[in-house]
Amino acid sequence: MTVNNIVRVFVVRHGQTDHNVQKILQGQLDTPMNSQGYAQAELLGSRFISTPINHFVTSDLCRCQETLEQITKHHTSPSIKITRNLRERNMGKVQGMYLKDAQAQYGPGFRNFGEGEESLCKRVETEFNEIINGNHQYVLICTHGGVITRFFNHLFRDLNYQLADGLTEKDLRVPFNTSVSIVDYNRQTGKGIIQSFGNTSHLGGDFKVEDQLLR
């Protein structure tokens, strides 16, 4: 086995938006980052200055594209793909509602509106398979909290990706804004491992999302 058989995929969440702060279920609403989000994204960009990323893939929603710009500005002639397949889950009739209002009106069932988990995982897996079966060794994905949570659980539960020492299934929760998660895939053996999840060291601490129902 050689290093070239391993593709490393960095998966980052976009920077903070006003909807995140206001606890609005933004889903596929095209909400931009706020000033705090830009500050987070700048720190994220600094985290990757010396990482030889060959290819970038991002959700087409502006909060992800804005985040990615703060990373790619440090890289010469970056290869970038923008795709709808990495969008957040469409939340149906509760999209755009305050979380508390959705809970009050629909109860726990508010989470069942909109796009199903199978559909989301299928479109994200389309992009992921293109990456791991391609020729790039270091790839960065910029996407959304709900996407990251659901897809990493899919990798672990359904596709038999291992968890690195120190990680448990309980860690695979909605990660903080601009957090970094890492997946390694061995093209020779077809085996994958989740090396880290939700790392926020570039922000100066270990930050977690308190309300796991928000996206």
Protein backbone atom coordinates (compact mmCIF):
# COMPACT_ATOMS: atom_id res chain seq x y z
CA MET A 1 0.00 0.00 0.00
CA THR A 2 1.26 3.47 -0.86
CA VAL A 3 0.15 6.90 0.27
CA ASN A 4 -1.27 7.53 -3.21
CA ASN A 5 -3.85 4.81 -2.60
CA ILE A 6 -5.36 6.97 0.14
CA VAL A 7 -7.68 9.85 -0.64
CA ARG A 8 -8.25 12.25 2.24
CA VAL A 9 -11.52 14.18 2.24
CA PHE A 10 -11.88 17.23 4.47
CA VAL A 11 -15.55 18.02 5.13
CA VAL A 12 -16.27 21.49 6.49
CA ARG A 13 -19.48 23.19 7.53
CA HIS A 14 -20.24 26.72 6.36
CA GLY A 15 -19.79 29.77 8.60
CA GLN A 16 -22.50 31.15 10.84
CA THR A 17 -25.64 32.81 9.41
CA ASP A 18 -28.21 35.02 11.08
CA HIS A 19 -30.69 32.15 10.76
CA ASN A 20 -28.33 29.98 12.83
CA VAL A 21 -28.34 32.60 15.56
CA GLN A 22 -32.10 33.20 15.38
CA LYS A 23 -32.82 29.44 15.45
CA ILE A 24 -34.61 29.44 12.12
CA LEU A 25 -34.86 26.19 10.15
CA GLN A 26 -33.10 27.43 7.04
CA GLY A 27 -32.79 24.17 5.09
CA GLN A 28 -32.32 25.13 1.43
CA LEU A 29 -33.01 28.83 1.94
CA ASP A 30 -30.10 30.73 0.37
CA THR A 31 -29.02 32.67 3.44
CA PRO A 32 -25.60 34.37 3.48
CA MET A 33 -23.04 34.29 6.25
CA ASN A 34 -23.05 37.05 8.85
CA SER A 35 -19.98 38.91 10.12
CA GLN A 36 -19.22 36.20 12.67
CA GLY A 37 -19.46 33.61 9.91
CA TYR A 38 -16.90 35.49 7.82
CA ALA A 39 -14.56 35.70 10.81
CA GLN A 40 -14.92 31.96 11.34
CA ALA A 41 -14.33 31.27 7.64
CA GLU A 42 -11.17 33.39 7.60
CA LEU A 43 -9.77 31.32 10.46
CA LEU A 44 -10.79 28.17 8.62
CA GLY A 45 -8.96 29.40 5.53
CA SER A 46 -5.81 29.93 7.57
CA ARG A 47 -6.13 26.35 8.82
CA PHE A 48 -5.71 25.08 5.23
CA ILE A 49 -3.01 27.43 3.92
CA SER A 50 -0.33 24.72 3.89
CA THR A 51 -2.60 21.79 3.00
CA PRO A 52 -2.05 20.68 -0.63
CA ILE A 53 -5.73 20.40 -1.58
CA ASN A 54 -6.18 19.26 -5.19
CA HIS A 55 -9.91 19.81 -5.58
CA PHE A 56 -12.78 21.62 -3.85
CA VAL A 57 -16.48 20.69 -3.97
CA THR A 58 -19.19 22.90 -2.48
CA SER A 59 -22.92 23.23 -2.07
CA ASP A 60 -24.30 25.85 -4.42
CA LEU A 61 -25.95 27.77 -1.56
CA CYS A 62 -24.21 31.07 -0.93
CA ARG A 63 -23.23 30.43 2.68
CA CYS A 64 -21.08 27.52 1.52
CA GLN A 65 -19.64 29.33 -1.48
CA GLU A 66 -18.77 32.31 0.74
CA THR A 67 -17.05 29.99 3.20
CA LEU A 68 -15.09 28.25 0.46
CA GLU A 69 -13.87 31.57 -0.93
CA GLN A 70 -12.04 32.20 2.35
CA ILE A 71 -10.20 28.90 1.85
CA THR A 72 -9.48 28.97 -1.88
CA LYS A 73 -8.08 32.52 -1.80
CA HIS A 74 -4.94 30.97 -0.32
CA HIS A 75 -4.59 28.47 -3.19
CA THR A 76 -3.39 29.10 -6.75
CA SER A 77 -5.87 28.30 -9.56
CA PRO A 78 -8.04 26.05 -7.39
CA SER A 79 -10.14 23.33 -9.01
CA ILE A 80 -13.72 23.94 -7.81
CA LYS A 81 -17.01 22.13 -8.39
CA ILE A 82 -20.29 23.75 -7.31
CA THR A 83 -23.21 21.35 -6.97
CA ARG A 84 -26.82 21.18 -5.77
CA ASN A 85 -26.11 17.66 -4.53
CA LEU A 86 -24.43 19.05 -1.41
CA ARG A 87 -27.33 21.31 -0.43
CA GLU A 88 -28.90 21.08 3.01
CA ARG A 89 -32.04 18.97 3.31
CA ASN A 90 -35.21 20.61 2.04
CA MET A 91 -37.42 20.92 5.12
CA GLY A 92 -40.75 21.29 3.39
CA LYS A 93 -43.45 23.33 5.12
CA VAL A 94 -41.31 24.09 8.20
CA GLN A 95 -38.44 25.56 6.16
CA GLY A 96 -38.00 29.19 7.20
CA MET A 97 -39.91 28.76 10.47
CA TYR A 98 -38.47 29.44 13.90
CA LEU A 99 -37.61 26.14 15.54
CA LYS A 100 -39.85 26.86 18.52
CA ASP A 101 -42.81 27.63 16.23
CA ALA A 102 -42.31 24.43 14.23
CA GLN A 103 -42.18 22.43 17.45
CA ALA A 104 -45.28 24.14 18.83
CA GLN A 105 -47.30 23.65 15.65
CA TYR A 106 -46.23 20.15 14.61
CA GLY A 107 -44.56 18.57 17.63
CA PRO A 108 -41.67 16.12 17.12
CA GLY A 109 -43.07 15.28 13.70
CA PHE A 110 -41.84 18.59 12.27
CA ARG A 111 -38.62 16.76 11.38
CA ASN A 112 -40.50 14.48 9.00
CA PHE A 113 -41.44 17.19 6.51
CA GLY A 114 -39.47 17.69 3.32
CA GLU A 115 -36.71 15.54 1.88
CA GLY A 116 -36.17 12.07 3.31
CA GLU A 117 -32.86 10.76 4.60
CA GLU A 118 -32.54 8.19 1.81
CA SER A 119 -32.85 10.86 -0.89
CA LEU A 120 -30.33 13.12 0.85
CA CYS A 121 -27.76 10.37 1.32
CA LYS A 122 -28.16 9.22 -2.28
CA ARG A 123 -27.34 12.64 -3.77
CA VAL A 124 -24.45 13.26 -1.39
CA GLU A 125 -23.07 9.78 -2.03
CA THR A 126 -23.07 10.55 -5.76
CA GLU A 127 -20.58 13.37 -5.14
CA PHE A 128 -18.59 11.41 -2.57
CA ASN A 129 -18.17 8.42 -4.89
CA GLU A 130 -16.94 10.70 -7.66
CA ILE A 131 -14.28 11.98 -5.26
CA ILE A 132 -13.06 8.67 -3.86
CA ASN A 133 -13.02 7.04 -7.30
CA GLY A 134 -11.24 9.97 -8.91
CA ASN A 135 -7.58 10.95 -9.17
CA HIS A 136 -7.29 13.61 -6.47
CA GLN A 137 -5.51 12.81 -3.22
CA TYR A 138 -6.68 15.73 -1.06
CA VAL A 139 -10.22 17.01 -1.52
CA LEU A 140 -12.23 19.53 0.51
CA ILE A 141 -16.03 19.54 0.66
CA CYS A 142 -17.99 22.52 1.99
CA THR A 143 -21.56 21.68 2.96
CA HIS A 144 -24.18 21.90 5.72
CA GLY A 145 -24.68 20.64 9.26
CA GLY A 146 -27.57 18.30 8.48
CA VAL A 147 -25.78 16.88 5.45
CA ILE A 148 -22.61 16.19 7.42
CA THR A 149 -24.48 14.52 10.28
CA ARG A 150 -26.63 12.28 8.15
CA PHE A 151 -23.92 11.33 5.68
CA PHE A 152 -21.27 10.51 8.27
CA ASN A 153 -23.78 8.30 10.06
CA HIS A 154 -24.52 6.68 6.69
CA LEU A 155 -20.79 6.04 6.16
CA PHE A 156 -20.52 4.42 9.57
CA ARG A 157 -23.78 2.46 9.78
CA ASP A 158 -24.41 1.48 6.18
CA LEU A 159 -21.04 1.58 4.41
CA ASN A 160 -18.95 0.12 7.25
CA TYR A 161 -16.51 3.00 7.59
CA GLN A 162 -14.49 2.61 10.77
CA LEU A 163 -14.21 5.22 13.50
CA ALA A 164 -10.73 6.29 14.54
CA ASP A 165 -9.63 5.73 18.12
CA GLY A 166 -11.41 8.13 20.43
CA LEU A 167 -14.48 8.56 18.21
CA THR A 168 -17.86 6.99 18.95
CA GLU A 169 -21.16 6.99 17.08
CA LYS A 170 -22.46 9.53 19.61
CA ASP A 171 -19.88 12.01 18.32
CA LEU A 172 -21.51 12.06 14.86
CA ARG A 173 -23.87 14.93 15.68
CA VAL A 174 -24.56 18.27 13.99
CA PRO A 175 -21.11 19.92 14.00
CA PHE A 176 -20.27 23.56 14.75
CA ASN A 177 -19.96 26.23 12.05
CA THR A 178 -16.70 25.88 10.04
CA SER A 179 -15.83 22.66 11.86
CA VAL A 180 -13.55 20.20 10.07
CA SER A 181 -14.19 16.47 9.74
CA ILE A 182 -11.80 14.08 7.96
CA VAL A 183 -12.41 10.84 6.08
CA ASP A 184 -9.69 8.63 4.59
CA TYR A 185 -10.54 6.12 1.86
CA ASN A 186 -8.18 3.41 0.63
CA ARG A 187 -8.70 2.99 -3.10
CA GLN A 188 -6.85 -0.33 -3.07
CA THR A 189 -8.81 -2.05 -0.31
CA GLY A 190 -12.10 -0.16 -0.62
CA LYS A 191 -12.05 0.55 3.12
CA GLY A 192 -12.74 3.89 4.76
CA ILE A 193 -12.13 5.45 8.16
CA ILE A 194 -13.55 8.56 9.81
CA GLN A 195 -10.40 10.09 11.28
CA SER A 196 -11.96 13.09 13.05
CA PHE A 197 -15.31 14.82 13.37
CA GLY A 198 -16.32 18.41 14.09
CA ASN A 199 -12.87 19.77 14.92
CA THR A 200 -12.89 23.50 15.73
CA SER A 201 -9.30 24.02 16.91
CA HIS A 202 -8.87 26.82 14.34
CA LEU A 203 -11.53 28.77 16.29
CA GLY A 204 -9.49 28.50 19.48
CA GLY A 205 -11.49 25.86 21.30
CA ASP A 206 -13.73 22.79 21.17
CA PHE A 207 -17.15 24.13 20.20
CA LYS A 208 -20.37 22.13 19.94
CA VAL A 209 -23.87 22.85 18.63
CA GLU A 210 -26.19 22.98 21.63
CA ASP A 211 -29.50 22.62 19.78
CA GLN A 212 -29.20 19.54 17.60
CA LEU A 213 -32.59 20.15 15.95
CA LEU A 214 -31.29 23.18 14.06
CA ARG A 215 -29.93 22.97 10.50
